[in-house]
Amino acid sequence: MPTSWLRRAAARRRAPPNDLRDRRGELLKQLSEKVRSAPSKRGRGAVNVLVGSEFLVLEGTSAEVTTTISVDRGIRVDTPVFAATGTKLSLTGGELAGLSDSIRKDIPRSSTTSTTSRDP
């Protein structure tokens, strides 16, 4: 997020740029609790966010995330993917990784994956 963007947003909300940066920091923290992410500060106040090997935010543009739906051993599984590429989000840390691991470990292996579709 460029500094000029922060100033315009602050003017509209009547909040100082530091408050917006604090809010951005809190949102990045919340994101990191859900999925392992790597924010990197850029010049002029911008932040890029990498999830796995894909950028969730790059140069002020965010990537849309959606889910694919599949059935694994009789249980519906929603897998987060980048909408533009269909690439799965890297779930190597955070709450989503924990949920994914528990599905793989705790559900009996009596059934197989039967369908995959994209959620609109």
N, C-alpha and C. Protein backbone atom coordinates (compact mmCIF):
# COMPACT_ATOMS: atom_id res chain seq x y z
N MET A 1 0.83 -1.17 0.00
CA MET A 1 0.00 0.00 0.00
C MET A 1 0.88 1.24 0.00
N PRO A 2 0.88 1.97 -1.09
CA PRO A 2 1.71 3.17 -1.14
C PRO A 2 1.28 4.19 -0.11
N THR A 3 2.23 4.99 0.31
CA THR A 3 1.96 6.02 1.31
C THR A 3 0.85 6.95 0.84
N SER A 4 0.84 7.33 -0.44
CA SER A 4 -0.21 8.22 -0.94
C SER A 4 -1.58 7.59 -0.78
N TRP A 5 -1.67 6.28 -0.95
CA TRP A 5 -2.94 5.58 -0.74
C TRP A 5 -3.36 5.71 0.71
N LEU A 6 -2.39 5.56 1.64
CA LEU A 6 -2.71 5.69 3.06
C LEU A 6 -3.20 7.09 3.38
N ARG A 7 -2.59 8.08 2.78
CA ARG A 7 -3.03 9.46 3.04
C ARG A 7 -4.43 9.71 2.53
N ARG A 8 -4.73 9.20 1.32
CA ARG A 8 -6.09 9.37 0.77
C ARG A 8 -7.11 8.64 1.63
N ALA A 9 -6.78 7.42 2.04
CA ALA A 9 -7.70 6.65 2.88
C ALA A 9 -7.89 7.33 4.22
N ALA A 10 -6.81 7.85 4.78
CA ALA A 10 -6.90 8.56 6.06
C ALA A 10 -7.78 9.78 5.94
N ALA A 11 -7.66 10.51 4.83
CA ALA A 11 -8.48 11.71 4.63
C ALA A 11 -9.96 11.33 4.55
N ARG A 12 -10.27 10.24 3.84
CA ARG A 12 -11.67 9.81 3.73
C ARG A 12 -12.22 9.35 5.07
N ARG A 13 -11.42 8.64 5.84
CA ARG A 13 -11.86 8.10 7.12
C ARG A 13 -11.58 9.03 8.28
N ARG A 14 -10.83 10.07 8.01
CA ARG A 14 -10.39 10.99 9.04
C ARG A 14 -9.57 10.26 10.11
N ALA A 15 -8.80 9.29 9.66
CA ALA A 15 -7.90 8.56 10.55
C ALA A 15 -6.48 8.83 10.09
N PRO A 16 -5.56 8.99 11.04
CA PRO A 16 -4.18 9.23 10.65
C PRO A 16 -3.57 7.99 9.99
N PRO A 17 -2.58 8.19 9.10
CA PRO A 17 -1.95 7.05 8.42
C PRO A 17 -1.42 6.00 9.39
N ASN A 18 -0.93 6.42 10.56
CA ASN A 18 -0.43 5.43 11.52
C ASN A 18 -1.52 4.49 11.99
N ASP A 19 -2.75 5.01 12.14
CA ASP A 19 -3.87 4.14 12.53
C ASP A 19 -4.14 3.11 11.45
N LEU A 20 -4.06 3.52 10.18
CA LEU A 20 -4.27 2.58 9.08
C LEU A 20 -3.16 1.55 9.03
N ARG A 21 -1.93 1.96 9.27
CA ARG A 21 -0.80 1.01 9.31
C ARG A 21 -0.99 0.02 10.45
N ASP A 22 -1.45 0.52 11.61
CA ASP A 22 -1.70 -0.38 12.74
C ASP A 22 -2.78 -1.40 12.39
N ARG A 23 -3.83 -0.93 11.72
CA ARG A 23 -4.92 -1.83 11.31
C ARG A 23 -4.40 -2.87 10.32
N ARG A 24 -3.59 -2.41 9.35
CA ARG A 24 -2.99 -3.34 8.39
C ARG A 24 -2.15 -4.38 9.12
N GLY A 25 -1.36 -3.95 10.09
CA GLY A 25 -0.54 -4.88 10.87
C GLY A 25 -1.38 -5.91 11.60
N GLU A 26 -2.50 -5.47 12.15
CA GLU A 26 -3.40 -6.41 12.85
C GLU A 26 -4.01 -7.42 11.87
N LEU A 27 -4.40 -6.95 10.70
CA LEU A 27 -4.96 -7.86 9.69
C LEU A 27 -3.92 -8.85 9.19
N LEU A 28 -2.68 -8.42 9.03
CA LEU A 28 -1.61 -9.34 8.63
C LEU A 28 -1.36 -10.38 9.71
N LYS A 29 -1.46 -9.97 10.97
CA LYS A 29 -1.31 -10.92 12.08
C LYS A 29 -2.43 -11.95 12.06
N GLN A 30 -3.66 -11.50 11.84
CA GLN A 30 -4.80 -12.41 11.78
C GLN A 30 -4.64 -13.39 10.61
N LEU A 31 -4.17 -12.90 9.46
CA LEU A 31 -3.93 -13.76 8.31
C LEU A 31 -2.90 -14.83 8.65
N SER A 32 -1.82 -14.43 9.32
CA SER A 32 -0.76 -15.39 9.66
C SER A 32 -1.24 -16.46 10.64
N GLU A 33 -2.29 -16.17 11.41
CA GLU A 33 -2.87 -17.18 12.29
C GLU A 33 -3.65 -18.22 11.49
N LYS A 34 -4.19 -17.81 10.35
CA LYS A 34 -4.99 -18.72 9.51
C LYS A 34 -4.12 -19.54 8.58
N VAL A 35 -3.09 -18.91 8.00
CA VAL A 35 -2.23 -19.58 7.03
C VAL A 35 -0.83 -18.96 7.12
N ARG A 36 0.20 -19.78 6.99
CA ARG A 36 1.56 -19.23 7.04
C ARG A 36 1.75 -18.27 5.88
N SER A 37 2.07 -17.04 6.21
CA SER A 37 2.25 -16.01 5.19
C SER A 37 3.52 -15.24 5.49
N ALA A 38 4.06 -14.63 4.46
CA ALA A 38 5.30 -13.87 4.61
C ALA A 38 5.12 -12.47 4.05
N PRO A 39 4.73 -11.51 4.91
CA PRO A 39 4.64 -10.14 4.43
C PRO A 39 6.04 -9.53 4.30
N SER A 40 6.22 -8.72 3.27
CA SER A 40 7.50 -8.01 3.11
C SER A 40 7.21 -6.56 2.80
N LYS A 41 7.83 -5.69 3.58
CA LYS A 41 7.63 -4.26 3.39
C LYS A 41 8.38 -3.81 2.15
N ARG A 42 7.73 -2.97 1.38
CA ARG A 42 8.31 -2.40 0.17
C ARG A 42 8.47 -0.89 0.39
N GLY A 43 8.97 -0.23 -0.57
CA GLY A 43 9.13 1.21 -0.46
C GLY A 43 7.80 1.94 -0.36
N ARG A 44 7.83 3.11 0.23
CA ARG A 44 6.67 4.00 0.32
C ARG A 44 5.49 3.39 1.06
N GLY A 45 5.76 2.47 2.00
CA GLY A 45 4.71 1.94 2.85
C GLY A 45 3.97 0.74 2.31
N ALA A 46 4.33 0.26 1.13
CA ALA A 46 3.64 -0.89 0.54
C ALA A 46 4.07 -2.19 1.23
N VAL A 47 3.20 -3.19 1.17
CA VAL A 47 3.49 -4.52 1.71
C VAL A 47 3.06 -5.57 0.70
N ASN A 48 3.96 -6.48 0.36
CA ASN A 48 3.62 -7.65 -0.44
C ASN A 48 3.42 -8.81 0.52
N VAL A 49 2.52 -9.73 0.18
CA VAL A 49 2.25 -10.87 1.05
C VAL A 49 2.38 -12.15 0.22
N LEU A 50 3.28 -13.01 0.65
CA LEU A 50 3.53 -14.28 -0.03
C LEU A 50 2.93 -15.41 0.80
N VAL A 51 2.18 -16.29 0.13
CA VAL A 51 1.64 -17.50 0.77
C VAL A 51 2.17 -18.67 -0.05
N GLY A 52 3.05 -19.47 0.57
CA GLY A 52 3.71 -20.52 -0.20
C GLY A 52 4.59 -19.87 -1.25
N SER A 53 4.38 -20.24 -2.50
CA SER A 53 5.18 -19.66 -3.59
C SER A 53 4.37 -18.66 -4.42
N GLU A 54 3.20 -18.28 -3.95
CA GLU A 54 2.32 -17.35 -4.68
C GLU A 54 2.10 -16.08 -3.86
N PHE A 55 1.98 -14.96 -4.56
CA PHE A 55 1.68 -13.71 -3.88
C PHE A 55 0.19 -13.57 -3.67
N LEU A 56 -0.20 -13.32 -2.43
CA LEU A 56 -1.58 -12.97 -2.12
C LEU A 56 -1.79 -11.49 -2.38
N VAL A 57 -0.77 -10.68 -2.10
CA VAL A 57 -0.77 -9.25 -2.41
C VAL A 57 0.57 -8.93 -3.05
N LEU A 58 0.52 -8.28 -4.22
CA LEU A 58 1.73 -7.89 -4.92
C LEU A 58 1.55 -6.48 -5.48
N GLU A 59 2.40 -5.58 -5.05
CA GLU A 59 2.38 -4.20 -5.55
C GLU A 59 0.99 -3.57 -5.45
N GLY A 60 0.31 -3.81 -4.33
CA GLY A 60 -0.99 -3.19 -4.10
C GLY A 60 -2.17 -3.91 -4.73
N THR A 61 -1.93 -5.02 -5.42
CA THR A 61 -3.02 -5.78 -6.04
C THR A 61 -3.14 -7.11 -5.32
N SER A 62 -4.36 -7.43 -4.89
CA SER A 62 -4.57 -8.70 -4.18
C SER A 62 -5.09 -9.76 -5.14
N ALA A 63 -4.70 -10.99 -4.87
CA ALA A 63 -5.17 -12.14 -5.64
C ALA A 63 -6.44 -12.67 -5.00
N GLU A 64 -7.39 -13.04 -5.82
CA GLU A 64 -8.63 -13.61 -5.31
C GLU A 64 -8.39 -15.06 -4.92
N VAL A 65 -8.96 -15.45 -3.78
CA VAL A 65 -8.88 -16.83 -3.32
C VAL A 65 -10.29 -17.39 -3.29
N THR A 66 -10.43 -18.60 -3.77
CA THR A 66 -11.71 -19.30 -3.76
C THR A 66 -11.46 -20.70 -3.22
N THR A 67 -12.42 -21.57 -3.34
CA THR A 67 -12.21 -22.96 -2.89
C THR A 67 -12.62 -23.92 -3.98
N THR A 68 -11.98 -25.08 -3.98
CA THR A 68 -12.48 -26.20 -4.76
C THR A 68 -13.11 -27.15 -3.76
N ILE A 69 -14.13 -27.83 -4.20
CA ILE A 69 -14.86 -28.73 -3.32
C ILE A 69 -14.59 -30.16 -3.78
N SER A 70 -14.25 -31.01 -2.83
CA SER A 70 -14.07 -32.42 -3.14
C SER A 70 -14.66 -33.24 -2.00
N VAL A 71 -14.81 -34.52 -2.22
CA VAL A 71 -15.28 -35.43 -1.18
C VAL A 71 -14.15 -36.40 -0.90
N ASP A 72 -13.71 -36.43 0.34
CA ASP A 72 -12.63 -37.31 0.77
C ASP A 72 -13.15 -38.23 1.86
N ARG A 73 -13.21 -39.51 1.55
CA ARG A 73 -13.70 -40.52 2.49
C ARG A 73 -15.07 -40.15 3.06
N GLY A 74 -15.93 -39.66 2.16
CA GLY A 74 -17.30 -39.32 2.53
C GLY A 74 -17.48 -37.96 3.18
N ILE A 75 -16.42 -37.20 3.30
CA ILE A 75 -16.48 -35.89 3.95
C ILE A 75 -16.19 -34.81 2.91
N ARG A 76 -17.03 -33.78 2.88
CA ARG A 76 -16.79 -32.64 1.98
C ARG A 76 -15.56 -31.89 2.44
N VAL A 77 -14.67 -31.60 1.50
CA VAL A 77 -13.45 -30.87 1.80
C VAL A 77 -13.37 -29.66 0.88
N ASP A 78 -13.28 -28.49 1.45
CA ASP A 78 -13.10 -27.24 0.70
C ASP A 78 -11.62 -26.89 0.74
N THR A 79 -11.00 -26.83 -0.42
CA THR A 79 -9.57 -26.53 -0.51
C THR A 79 -9.39 -25.12 -1.05
N PRO A 80 -8.68 -24.25 -0.31
CA PRO A 80 -8.46 -22.89 -0.80
C PRO A 80 -7.45 -22.89 -1.95
N VAL A 81 -7.82 -22.16 -3.02
CA VAL A 81 -6.97 -22.05 -4.21
C VAL A 81 -6.98 -20.60 -4.69
N PHE A 82 -5.93 -20.23 -5.42
CA PHE A 82 -5.92 -18.93 -6.08
C PHE A 82 -6.86 -19.02 -7.28
N ALA A 83 -7.80 -18.10 -7.37
CA ALA A 83 -8.84 -18.16 -8.41
C ALA A 83 -8.25 -18.09 -9.82
N ALA A 84 -7.26 -17.25 -10.03
CA ALA A 84 -6.72 -17.05 -11.38
C ALA A 84 -5.98 -18.26 -11.91
N THR A 85 -5.29 -18.99 -11.03
CA THR A 85 -4.44 -20.09 -11.48
C THR A 85 -4.92 -21.48 -11.05
N GLY A 86 -5.78 -21.53 -10.04
CA GLY A 86 -6.20 -22.82 -9.50
C GLY A 86 -5.15 -23.45 -8.61
N THR A 87 -4.05 -22.73 -8.36
CA THR A 87 -2.98 -23.24 -7.50
C THR A 87 -3.46 -23.29 -6.05
N LYS A 88 -3.25 -24.42 -5.39
CA LYS A 88 -3.64 -24.54 -3.99
C LYS A 88 -2.82 -23.60 -3.13
N LEU A 89 -3.46 -23.03 -2.12
CA LEU A 89 -2.73 -22.26 -1.13
C LEU A 89 -1.83 -23.23 -0.38
N SER A 90 -0.62 -22.83 -0.11
CA SER A 90 0.30 -23.65 0.64
C SER A 90 -0.13 -23.66 2.10
N LEU A 91 -0.55 -24.81 2.58
CA LEU A 91 -1.02 -24.93 3.96
C LEU A 91 0.05 -25.60 4.81
N THR A 92 1.12 -24.85 5.09
CA THR A 92 2.22 -25.40 5.88
C THR A 92 2.23 -24.86 7.30
N GLY A 93 1.29 -24.04 7.64
CA GLY A 93 1.21 -23.49 8.98
C GLY A 93 -0.11 -22.78 9.18
N GLY A 94 -0.46 -22.55 10.42
CA GLY A 94 -1.69 -21.84 10.73
C GLY A 94 -2.87 -22.78 10.93
N GLU A 95 -4.01 -22.18 11.24
CA GLU A 95 -5.22 -22.94 11.54
C GLU A 95 -5.68 -23.81 10.38
N LEU A 96 -5.60 -23.28 9.16
CA LEU A 96 -6.04 -24.08 8.00
C LEU A 96 -5.18 -25.33 7.82
N ALA A 97 -3.89 -25.22 8.08
CA ALA A 97 -3.01 -26.39 7.99
C ALA A 97 -3.40 -27.41 9.04
N GLY A 98 -3.72 -26.95 10.24
CA GLY A 98 -4.15 -27.87 11.30
C GLY A 98 -5.42 -28.61 10.94
N LEU A 99 -6.38 -27.90 10.36
CA LEU A 99 -7.63 -28.54 9.94
C LEU A 99 -7.37 -29.56 8.83
N SER A 100 -6.54 -29.18 7.88
CA SER A 100 -6.22 -30.07 6.77
C SER A 100 -5.51 -31.34 7.28
N ASP A 101 -4.57 -31.17 8.19
CA ASP A 101 -3.87 -32.32 8.77
C ASP A 101 -4.82 -33.24 9.51
N SER A 102 -5.76 -32.66 10.27
CA SER A 102 -6.68 -33.50 11.03
C SER A 102 -7.60 -34.29 10.12
N ILE A 103 -7.98 -33.71 8.99
CA ILE A 103 -8.81 -34.45 8.03
C ILE A 103 -8.03 -35.65 7.51
N ARG A 104 -6.77 -35.43 7.12
CA ARG A 104 -5.95 -36.52 6.58
C ARG A 104 -5.66 -37.60 7.61
N LYS A 105 -5.45 -37.21 8.86
CA LYS A 105 -5.05 -38.17 9.90
C LYS A 105 -6.22 -38.86 10.60
N ASP A 106 -7.30 -38.12 10.82
CA ASP A 106 -8.35 -38.61 11.71
C ASP A 106 -9.53 -39.28 11.02
N ILE A 107 -9.71 -39.07 9.73
CA ILE A 107 -10.85 -39.67 9.04
C ILE A 107 -10.41 -41.04 8.51
N PRO A 108 -11.19 -42.09 8.81
CA PRO A 108 -10.82 -43.43 8.34
C PRO A 108 -10.64 -43.47 6.83
N ARG A 109 -9.77 -44.33 6.37
CA ARG A 109 -9.43 -44.44 4.95
C ARG A 109 -10.33 -45.42 4.20
N SER A 110 -11.59 -45.57 4.57
CA SER A 110 -12.46 -46.55 3.93
C SER A 110 -13.02 -46.09 2.59
N SER A 111 -13.11 -44.79 2.35
CA SER A 111 -13.65 -44.25 1.10
C SER A 111 -12.54 -43.60 0.30
N THR A 112 -12.82 -43.24 -0.95
CA THR A 112 -11.85 -42.54 -1.77
C THR A 112 -12.44 -41.21 -2.23
N THR A 113 -11.60 -40.38 -2.76
CA THR A 113 -12.05 -39.10 -3.29
C THR A 113 -12.94 -39.37 -4.49
N SER A 114 -14.14 -38.76 -4.51
CA SER A 114 -15.07 -39.07 -5.57
C SER A 114 -15.30 -37.94 -6.56
N THR A 115 -15.28 -36.68 -6.12
CA THR A 115 -15.56 -35.59 -7.04
C THR A 115 -14.70 -34.38 -6.70
N THR A 116 -14.54 -33.56 -7.68
CA THR A 116 -13.89 -32.25 -7.49
C THR A 116 -14.64 -31.25 -8.36
N SER A 117 -14.97 -30.10 -7.79
CA SER A 117 -15.62 -29.05 -8.54
C SER A 117 -15.13 -27.71 -8.01
N ARG A 118 -15.37 -26.67 -8.76
CA ARG A 118 -14.98 -25.33 -8.33
C ARG A 118 -16.21 -24.61 -7.80
N ASP A 119 -16.05 -24.02 -6.61
CA ASP A 119 -17.13 -23.27 -5.99
C ASP A 119 -17.23 -21.91 -6.66
N PRO A 120 -18.41 -21.53 -7.17
CA PRO A 120 -18.54 -20.21 -7.84
C PRO A 120 -18.36 -19.07 -6.90
